[in-house]
Protein backbone atom coordinates (compact mmCIF):
# COMPACT_ATOMS: atom_id res chain seq x y z
CA MET A 1 14.38 55.85 -26.13
CA CYS A 2 14.70 57.61 -22.72
CA LEU A 3 11.70 58.80 -20.60
CA ALA A 4 12.70 62.52 -20.86
CA ARG A 5 12.85 62.27 -24.72
CA LYS A 6 9.47 60.65 -24.92
CA ILE A 7 7.96 63.43 -22.52
CA GLY A 8 9.57 66.08 -24.80
CA ILE A 9 7.98 64.46 -28.02
CA VAL A 10 4.59 64.23 -26.41
CA PHE A 11 4.79 68.00 -25.17
CA LYS A 12 6.06 68.97 -28.80
CA TYR A 13 3.04 67.51 -30.52
CA ALA A 14 0.58 68.75 -27.72
CA LEU A 15 2.06 72.40 -28.26
CA ILE A 16 1.74 72.15 -32.00
CA PHE A 17 -1.58 70.99 -31.62
CA HIS A 18 -2.78 73.56 -29.10
CA CYS A 19 -1.00 76.49 -30.83
CA VAL A 20 -1.71 76.04 -34.65
CA GLY A 21 -4.20 73.10 -34.48
CA ARG A 22 -7.20 75.14 -35.53
CA ASP A 23 -5.14 76.50 -38.56
CA VAL A 24 -3.90 73.53 -39.62
CA LEU A 25 -7.51 71.75 -39.30
CA ASN A 26 -9.21 74.57 -40.82
CA ILE A 27 -7.81 73.83 -44.38
CA SER A 28 -11.32 73.31 -46.04
CA ASP A 29 -14.87 73.79 -45.24
CA GLN A 30 -15.64 70.31 -44.54
CA SER A 31 -17.08 69.21 -41.26
CA PHE A 32 -14.82 66.58 -39.54
CA VAL A 33 -15.46 66.35 -35.52
CA PHE A 34 -17.66 67.07 -33.00
CA THR A 35 -17.36 68.97 -29.46
CA GLY A 36 -19.60 67.02 -27.20
CA LEU A 37 -22.23 69.81 -26.69
CA ILE A 38 -25.50 68.19 -27.17
CA GLN A 39 -27.38 70.26 -29.72
CA THR A 40 -31.15 68.59 -29.17
CA LEU A 41 -32.73 65.39 -28.38
CA GLY A 42 -34.08 62.94 -30.91
CA ASN A 43 -36.38 59.80 -31.12
CA LEU A 44 -34.73 56.81 -32.69
CA THR A 45 -36.74 54.18 -34.86
CA ARG A 46 -35.64 51.13 -36.80
CA LEU A 47 -36.87 51.00 -40.45
CA ASP A 48 -34.95 47.59 -40.97
CA SER A 49 -32.06 45.65 -39.66
CA SER A 50 -29.69 48.74 -40.46
CA HIS A 51 -31.57 51.97 -41.42
CA LEU A 52 -32.09 54.10 -38.47
CA LYS A 53 -34.91 57.18 -38.41
CA ILE A 54 -34.23 59.95 -36.21
CA VAL A 55 -36.88 62.43 -35.42
CA CYS A 56 -35.62 65.62 -33.51
CA SER A 57 -37.77 66.09 -30.56
CA GLY A 58 -35.95 68.46 -28.14
CA MET A 59 -35.19 72.29 -27.74
CA GLY A 60 -32.69 73.52 -30.36
CA HIS A 61 -33.79 71.10 -33.08
CA ALA A 62 -34.14 74.28 -35.41
CA ARG A 63 -30.76 75.01 -35.78
CA LEU A 64 -29.66 71.21 -36.33
CA LEU A 65 -32.33 70.93 -38.94
CA GLN A 66 -31.37 74.15 -40.65
CA ASP A 67 -27.91 73.27 -41.26
CA MET A 68 -28.33 69.72 -42.21
CA GLU A 69 -27.63 68.70 -45.77
CA LEU A 70 -27.40 65.22 -47.55
CA GLY A 71 -24.06 63.61 -46.47
CA ASP A 72 -23.64 65.55 -43.33
CA SER A 73 -22.06 63.39 -40.07
CA ILE A 74 -24.25 63.81 -37.26
CA ALA A 75 -23.64 62.08 -33.82
CA VAL A 76 -26.33 59.94 -32.47
CA ASP A 77 -25.62 59.32 -28.84
CA GLY A 78 -21.68 59.69 -29.69
CA VAL A 79 -21.87 57.59 -32.84
CA CYS A 80 -20.93 59.41 -35.92
CA LEU A 81 -23.61 58.60 -38.75
CA THR A 82 -24.12 60.10 -42.31
CA VAL A 83 -27.27 61.81 -43.40
CA GLU A 84 -28.68 59.52 -45.89
CA THR A 85 -32.29 61.00 -46.42
CA ALA A 86 -33.04 64.61 -44.96
CA LEU A 87 -36.56 64.76 -43.50
CA ALA A 88 -38.59 67.91 -42.42
CA ASN A 89 -37.82 66.90 -38.71
CA GLY A 90 -35.02 64.55 -38.93
CA PHE A 91 -33.04 62.15 -41.15
CA ILE A 92 -32.45 58.40 -41.90
CA ALA A 93 -29.06 56.99 -41.49
CA THR A 94 -27.38 53.57 -42.16
CA ALA A 95 -25.77 51.89 -39.31
CA SER A 96 -23.19 49.25 -40.06
CA PRO A 97 -23.25 45.85 -38.29
CA GLU A 98 -19.89 46.72 -36.47
CA THR A 99 -21.65 49.88 -35.42
CA LEU A 100 -24.66 48.06 -34.06
CA ALA A 101 -22.72 45.48 -32.23
CA LYS A 102 -20.25 48.03 -30.72
CA SER A 103 -22.45 50.74 -29.53
CA THR A 104 -25.86 51.16 -27.85
CA LEU A 105 -27.65 51.89 -31.32
CA GLY A 106 -27.92 47.87 -31.77
CA THR A 107 -30.05 47.57 -28.58
CA LEU A 108 -32.10 50.79 -27.83
CA ALA A 109 -35.69 50.43 -27.38
CA GLU A 110 -37.92 51.68 -30.29
CA GLY A 111 -38.50 55.51 -29.67
CA ALA A 112 -35.40 55.96 -27.32
CA LYS A 113 -34.08 59.35 -26.83
CA VAL A 114 -30.85 59.75 -28.28
CA ASN A 115 -28.49 62.81 -28.08
CA LEU A 116 -27.75 64.71 -31.50
CA GLU A 117 -24.94 66.91 -32.30
CA GLY A 118 -23.98 68.32 -35.87
CA SER A 119 -20.29 68.14 -36.73
CA LEU A 120 -17.96 71.08 -36.20
CA ARG A 121 -17.80 73.83 -38.71
CA VAL A 122 -14.84 76.10 -39.50
CA GLY A 123 -15.05 78.86 -37.23
CA SER A 124 -17.28 77.19 -34.72
CA LYS A 125 -16.29 77.39 -31.03
CA ILE A 126 -14.73 74.50 -29.56
CA GLY A 127 -16.72 74.36 -26.12
CA GLY A 128 -16.02 70.68 -25.22
CA HIS A 129 -13.33 68.58 -26.42
CA PHE A 130 -12.63 66.96 -29.67
CA VAL A 131 -14.88 63.98 -30.11
CA THR A 132 -14.49 61.87 -33.12
CA GLY A 133 -17.71 59.92 -32.97
CA HIS A 134 -15.96 56.49 -33.13
CA VAL A 135 -17.05 54.90 -29.83
CA ASP A 136 -14.40 52.94 -27.91
CA GLY A 137 -16.78 50.66 -25.88
CA LEU A 138 -19.60 50.61 -23.55
CA GLY A 139 -19.95 51.54 -19.99
CA ARG A 140 -22.90 51.12 -17.56
CA LEU A 141 -24.78 53.46 -15.41
CA GLU A 142 -24.32 52.36 -11.61
CA THR A 143 -25.78 55.26 -9.59
CA ALA A 144 -27.26 58.76 -10.22
CA ILE A 145 -27.55 61.09 -7.24
CA ALA A 146 -28.61 64.58 -6.89
CA SER A 147 -27.12 67.23 -4.98
CA ALA A 148 -27.91 70.93 -4.44
CA THR A 149 -26.10 72.17 -7.62
CA SER A 150 -25.61 69.04 -9.84
CA TRP A 151 -26.09 65.29 -10.55
CA GLU A 152 -23.24 62.72 -9.71
CA LEU A 153 -23.36 59.89 -12.07
CA ARG A 154 -20.95 56.69 -11.55
CA PHE A 155 -20.21 54.46 -14.32
CA VAL A 156 -18.52 51.18 -14.36
CA VAL A 157 -16.31 50.23 -17.60
CA ALA A 158 -15.79 46.46 -18.30
CA SER A 159 -13.40 46.96 -21.28
CA ALA A 160 -9.99 47.68 -20.51
CA GLN A 161 -9.46 49.31 -23.96
CA VAL A 162 -11.69 52.02 -22.81
CA ALA A 163 -10.61 52.20 -19.17
CA ARG A 164 -7.18 53.04 -20.24
CA TYR A 165 -7.86 56.30 -21.39
CA ILE A 166 -10.10 57.58 -18.30
CA VAL A 167 -7.98 59.65 -16.07
CA SER A 168 -9.08 61.93 -13.20
CA LYS A 169 -9.86 65.40 -14.31
CA GLY A 170 -9.68 64.10 -17.97
CA SER A 171 -12.06 64.33 -20.69
CA ILE A 172 -14.62 61.63 -21.58
CA ALA A 173 -17.57 61.53 -23.89
CA VAL A 174 -20.72 59.84 -22.50
CA ASN A 175 -23.51 59.04 -25.17
CA GLY A 176 -21.60 61.97 -27.06
CA ILE A 177 -21.56 64.45 -24.31
CA SER A 178 -18.32 65.88 -23.36
CA LEU A 179 -17.83 65.44 -19.60
CA THR A 180 -15.19 65.75 -17.02
CA VAL A 181 -13.82 63.01 -14.92
CA ALA A 182 -14.39 63.84 -11.38
CA ASP A 183 -12.81 60.56 -9.88
CA CYS A 184 -11.87 57.11 -11.07
CA SER A 185 -10.22 54.15 -10.13
CA ALA A 186 -6.34 53.55 -10.80
CA SER A 187 -7.47 51.21 -13.72
CA GLY A 188 -10.40 53.26 -14.87
CA ASP A 189 -12.74 50.30 -14.41
CA TRP A 190 -15.09 53.02 -12.79
CA PHE A 191 -15.44 56.77 -12.81
CA THR A 192 -17.82 59.57 -11.79
CA VAL A 193 -18.88 62.86 -13.34
CA ALA A 194 -20.71 65.81 -11.98
CA VAL A 195 -23.53 67.02 -14.41
CA ILE A 196 -24.97 70.58 -14.15
CA PRO A 197 -28.57 70.89 -14.17
CA VAL A 198 -28.77 72.44 -17.73
CA THR A 199 -26.69 69.34 -19.24
CA TYR A 200 -28.99 66.79 -17.22
CA GLN A 201 -32.13 68.12 -18.52
CA GLU A 202 -31.19 69.01 -21.91
CA THR A 203 -29.72 65.24 -22.73
CA ASN A 204 -30.79 61.64 -22.51
CA LEU A 205 -28.91 61.20 -19.01
CA GLN A 206 -31.97 62.10 -17.43
CA TYR A 207 -33.62 58.94 -18.81
CA LEU A 208 -30.73 56.47 -17.85
CA GLN A 209 -31.61 53.57 -15.48
CA PRO A 210 -29.22 51.88 -13.35
CA HIS A 211 -27.29 49.13 -15.23
CA GLN A 212 -28.31 50.78 -18.61
CA ALA A 213 -25.38 50.93 -21.21
CA VAL A 214 -23.77 54.05 -22.53
CA ASN A 215 -21.48 54.88 -25.62
CA LEU A 216 -18.03 55.74 -24.08
CA GLU A 217 -15.26 57.49 -26.20
CA GLY A 218 -11.87 58.40 -24.47
CA ASP A 219 -10.09 61.68 -25.37
CA VAL A 220 -8.40 61.32 -28.80
CA LEU A 221 -5.43 63.43 -27.58
CA GLY A 222 -4.62 60.99 -25.05
CA LYS A 223 -4.49 58.21 -27.68
CA TYR A 224 -2.11 60.11 -29.91
CA ALA A 225 0.02 60.82 -26.76
CA GLU A 226 -0.05 57.06 -25.83
CA LYS A 227 1.18 56.17 -29.52
CA PHE A 228 3.94 58.81 -29.28
CA LEU A 229 5.04 57.50 -25.84
CA ASN A 230 4.91 53.89 -27.14
CA LEU A 231 6.45 54.31 -30.58
CA GLY A 232 7.93 57.91 -31.15
CA PRO A 233 9.77 58.95 -34.31
CA LYS A 234 13.08 57.56 -34.94
CA PRO A 235 16.00 59.79 -33.77
CA THR A 236 17.95 61.65 -36.48
CA ALA A 237 21.55 63.23 -36.28
CA GLN A 238 19.95 66.90 -36.61
CA GLU A 239 17.53 66.34 -33.78
CA PRO A 240 18.93 67.11 -30.18
CA ASP A 241 18.13 65.11 -27.23
CA ILE A 242 15.57 66.53 -25.04
CA ALA A 243 16.44 66.17 -21.37
CA LEU A 244 14.38 66.89 -18.18
CA ASP A 245 16.60 70.06 -17.39
CA PHE A 246 15.40 71.46 -20.60
CA LEU A 247 11.84 70.74 -19.99
CA ALA A 248 12.42 72.18 -16.55
CA GLU A 249 13.68 75.37 -17.83
CA HIS A 250 10.88 75.89 -20.32
CA GLY A 251 8.03 75.26 -17.15
CA TYR A 252 6.91 71.94 -18.60
CA VAL A 253 7.92 69.78 -15.51
């Protein structure tokens, strides 16, 4: 398949998602995704090898607890967990061995501060970007430098599976926080973000120490675009080819 056609396919699906995505996704009243806007902080403790207890401790916890029900999905440092027991001040959830092995939830210290976000509801504002709660891999904080208006954090990424989705000015979820990549290497093995004071102060970014691990999730739209470019649908006789002239005429290139 020619490059122009692949580009056209990606644009077609991106436009469909952009224009009607919300209507298509709002087909039920179930929660399905997160936005990377942290609602409150919590403290994590281990009840046993798989059960985690999270007690809400930050500002904004009242709304999270008020809306929380048995079976709800809550992002804990960017990891989607299911509420199995609702408590007056938090909840209990089970983390599978794979989740514990592939995220920071398996190594966090007792009482560690974790970011909490309830899943997106129908009609809710999408203030960050679509975050699935399925962590791609780990990164590590290298430096955190305060400026007059923000904090500049630099992370290193060891896994190529994560690095491939890191692009300059693209979206990245760090411990469940929707952030914009300010700069990065060509391979994505390091990147920087500029964090405004309110985000820094109301999330666990303020507690990170150099070389501490963080959960990373790349932009899911980039993953779909990658798949369409690599595979793409099989052409049909009824489907006309999309050339670069067509894309230029309609303002896409």
